[in-house]
Amino acid sequence: MSHSRPEIFISATSADLKTCRALIKEALLTLGCVPVEETNFPPSASSVRDMLRQKISACHAVIHVAGEVYGAEPRERDDGEPRMSYTQMEVEIARELGKPVY
């Protein structure tokens, strides 16, 4: 019987937590997990949200590391939509999908 390796999405800003994110990635690899992280984003908020939803829905859980820096956010957003960084968006989507967030 084949067992798939758990996929874990890593959510953290790059500016202040790049090293921490790399350590988490190495730890997950050591544990036999598949780390998933998104470092390049398409330009529009709607395509980013769809892409993140697809990536996070395929994962077993999300590790969210919060720091002191407000991360990058989409330049474009729908009318009435609040400002939200990519990292905030990742956690919101994970919770909407019922994924464990650590």
C-alpha atoms as a PDB file:
ATOM      1  CA  MET A   1       0.000   0.000   0.000  1.00  0.00           C
ATOM      2  CA  SER A   2       1.424   3.376  -1.004  1.00  0.00           C
ATOM      3  CA  HIS A   3       1.339   6.214   1.532  1.00  0.00           C
ATOM      4  CA  SER A   4       1.497   9.761   0.263  1.00  0.00           C
ATOM      5  CA  ARG A   5       3.679  12.238   2.090  1.00  0.00           C
ATOM      6  CA  PRO A   6       1.696  14.989   3.862  1.00  0.00           C
ATOM      7  CA  GLU A   7       1.840  18.356   2.107  1.00  0.00           C
ATOM      8  CA  ILE A   8       2.195  21.327   4.468  1.00  0.00           C
ATOM      9  CA  PHE A   9       1.789  24.930   3.276  1.00  0.00           C
ATOM     10  CA  ILE A  10       4.234  27.390   4.860  1.00  0.00           C
ATOM     11  CA  SER A  11       2.829  30.900   5.280  1.00  0.00           C
ATOM     12  CA  ALA A  12       5.218  33.685   6.340  1.00  0.00           C
ATOM     13  CA  THR A  13       6.445  37.028   5.071  1.00  0.00           C
ATOM     14  CA  SER A  14       9.774  37.004   3.268  1.00  0.00           C
ATOM     15  CA  ALA A  15      11.179  40.305   4.495  1.00  0.00           C
ATOM     16  CA  ASP A  16      11.616  39.262   8.118  1.00  0.00           C
ATOM     17  CA  LEU A  17      10.960  35.525   8.220  1.00  0.00           C
ATOM     18  CA  LYS A  18      12.856  34.121   5.237  1.00  0.00           C
ATOM     19  CA  THR A  19      15.346  32.267   7.462  1.00  0.00           C
ATOM     20  CA  CYS A  20      12.594  30.945   9.731  1.00  0.00           C
ATOM     21  CA  ARG A  21      10.624  29.728   6.716  1.00  0.00           C
ATOM     22  CA  ALA A  22      13.732  27.934   5.406  1.00  0.00           C
ATOM     23  CA  LEU A  23      14.219  26.193   8.773  1.00  0.00           C
ATOM     24  CA  ILE A  24      10.582  25.069   8.794  1.00  0.00           C
ATOM     25  CA  LYS A  25      10.978  23.766   5.247  1.00  0.00           C
ATOM     26  CA  GLU A  26      14.061  21.737   6.243  1.00  0.00           C
ATOM     27  CA  ALA A  27      12.299  20.369   9.334  1.00  0.00           C
ATOM     28  CA  LEU A  28       9.296  19.294   7.255  1.00  0.00           C
ATOM     29  CA  LEU A  29      11.581  17.558   4.744  1.00  0.00           C
ATOM     30  CA  THR A  30      13.333  15.773   7.625  1.00  0.00           C
ATOM     31  CA  LEU A  31       9.931  14.588   8.884  1.00  0.00           C
ATOM     32  CA  GLY A  32       9.051  13.221   5.444  1.00  0.00           C
ATOM     33  CA  CYS A  33       6.539  15.959   4.604  1.00  0.00           C
ATOM     34  CA  VAL A  34       6.305  17.958   1.408  1.00  0.00           C
ATOM     35  CA  PRO A  35       6.680  21.690   2.134  1.00  0.00           C
ATOM     36  CA  VAL A  36       4.617  23.976  -0.103  1.00  0.00           C
ATOM     37  CA  GLU A  37       5.339  27.686  -0.209  1.00  0.00           C
ATOM     38  CA  GLU A  38       4.393  30.449  -2.564  1.00  0.00           C
ATOM     39  CA  THR A  39       7.014  33.076  -3.227  1.00  0.00           C
ATOM     40  CA  ASN A  40       5.917  34.458  -6.592  1.00  0.00           C
ATOM     41  CA  PHE A  41       2.453  35.846  -7.117  1.00  0.00           C
ATOM     42  CA  PRO A  42       0.540  36.789 -10.252  1.00  0.00           C
ATOM     43  CA  PRO A  43      -0.467  40.465 -10.497  1.00  0.00           C
ATOM     44  CA  SER A  44      -4.191  40.404  -9.728  1.00  0.00           C
ATOM     45  CA  ALA A  45      -5.797  39.699  -6.379  1.00  0.00           C
ATOM     46  CA  SER A  46      -8.492  37.418  -7.807  1.00  0.00           C
ATOM     47  CA  SER A  47      -6.004  35.150  -9.590  1.00  0.00           C
ATOM     48  CA  VAL A  48      -3.816  35.072  -6.475  1.00  0.00           C
ATOM     49  CA  ARG A  49      -6.766  34.058  -4.316  1.00  0.00           C
ATOM     50  CA  ASP A  50      -7.738  31.313  -6.781  1.00  0.00           C
ATOM     51  CA  MET A  51      -4.150  30.061  -7.009  1.00  0.00           C
ATOM     52  CA  LEU A  52      -3.743  30.042  -3.219  1.00  0.00           C
ATOM     53  CA  ARG A  53      -7.079  28.276  -2.747  1.00  0.00           C
ATOM     54  CA  GLN A  54      -5.943  25.561  -5.159  1.00  0.00           C
ATOM     55  CA  LYS A  55      -2.531  25.115  -3.508  1.00  0.00           C
ATOM     56  CA  ILE A  56      -3.842  25.200   0.067  1.00  0.00           C
ATOM     57  CA  SER A  57      -6.786  22.883  -0.670  1.00  0.00           C
ATOM     58  CA  ALA A  58      -4.258  20.226  -1.766  1.00  0.00           C
ATOM     59  CA  CYS A  59      -2.362  20.520   1.534  1.00  0.00           C
ATOM     60  CA  HIS A  60      -3.004  18.723   4.792  1.00  0.00           C
ATOM     61  CA  ALA A  61      -2.262  21.758   6.989  1.00  0.00           C
ATOM     62  CA  VAL A  62      -0.789  25.269   7.083  1.00  0.00           C
ATOM     63  CA  ILE A  63       2.053  26.511   9.255  1.00  0.00           C
ATOM     64  CA  HIS A  64       1.641  30.267   9.693  1.00  0.00           C
ATOM     65  CA  VAL A  65       4.519  32.288  11.116  1.00  0.00           C
ATOM     66  CA  ALA A  66       3.644  35.845  12.135  1.00  0.00           C
ATOM     67  CA  GLY A  67       6.318  38.488  12.490  1.00  0.00           C
ATOM     68  CA  GLU A  68       6.558  42.228  12.727  1.00  0.00           C
ATOM     69  CA  VAL A  69       6.493  43.057   9.011  1.00  0.00           C
ATOM     70  CA  TYR A  70       3.268  43.600   7.065  1.00  0.00           C
ATOM     71  CA  GLY A  71       3.823  41.554   3.921  1.00  0.00           C
ATOM     72  CA  ALA A  72       3.260  42.396   0.296  1.00  0.00           C
ATOM     73  CA  GLU A  73      -0.316  42.673  -0.923  1.00  0.00           C
ATOM     74  CA  PRO A  74      -2.007  42.683  -4.323  1.00  0.00           C
ATOM     75  CA  ARG A  75      -2.040  46.112  -5.933  1.00  0.00           C
ATOM     76  CA  GLU A  76      -5.509  45.544  -7.322  1.00  0.00           C
ATOM     77  CA  ARG A  77      -8.547  44.490  -5.330  1.00  0.00           C
ATOM     78  CA  ASP A  78     -12.287  44.502  -5.853  1.00  0.00           C
ATOM     79  CA  ASP A  79     -14.332  47.494  -4.713  1.00  0.00           C
ATOM     80  CA  GLY A  80     -15.057  47.284  -1.002  1.00  0.00           C
ATOM     81  CA  GLU A  81     -12.527  44.518  -0.447  1.00  0.00           C
ATOM     82  CA  PRO A  82     -10.270  45.321   2.521  1.00  0.00           C
ATOM     83  CA  ARG A  83      -6.502  45.504   2.251  1.00  0.00           C
ATOM     84  CA  MET A  84      -4.924  42.140   2.961  1.00  0.00           C
ATOM     85  CA  SER A  85      -1.380  40.847   2.599  1.00  0.00           C
ATOM     86  CA  TYR A  86      -0.699  37.594   0.775  1.00  0.00           C
ATOM     87  CA  THR A  87       0.180  35.992   4.120  1.00  0.00           C
ATOM     88  CA  GLN A  88      -3.120  37.128   5.656  1.00  0.00           C
ATOM     89  CA  MET A  89      -4.907  35.807   2.577  1.00  0.00           C
ATOM     90  CA  GLU A  90      -3.213  32.402   2.980  1.00  0.00           C
ATOM     91  CA  VAL A  91      -4.439  32.026   6.565  1.00  0.00           C
ATOM     92  CA  GLU A  92      -7.956  33.238   5.725  1.00  0.00           C
ATOM     93  CA  ILE A  93      -8.210  30.723   2.870  1.00  0.00           C
ATOM     94  CA  ALA A  94      -6.860  27.898   5.056  1.00  0.00           C
ATOM     95  CA  ARG A  95      -9.510  28.614   7.688  1.00  0.00           C
ATOM     96  CA  GLU A  96     -12.265  28.834   5.039  1.00  0.00           C
ATOM     97  CA  LEU A  97     -11.176  25.405   3.776  1.00  0.00           C
ATOM     98  CA  GLY A  98     -11.133  23.976   7.312  1.00  0.00           C
ATOM     99  CA  LYS A  99      -7.405  23.224   7.198  1.00  0.00           C
ATOM    100  CA  PRO A 100      -5.520  22.992  10.486  1.00  0.00           C
ATOM    101  CA  VAL A 101      -3.485  26.187  10.981  1.00  0.00           C
ATOM    102  CA  TYR A 102      -0.461  25.949  13.232  1.00  0.00           C
END
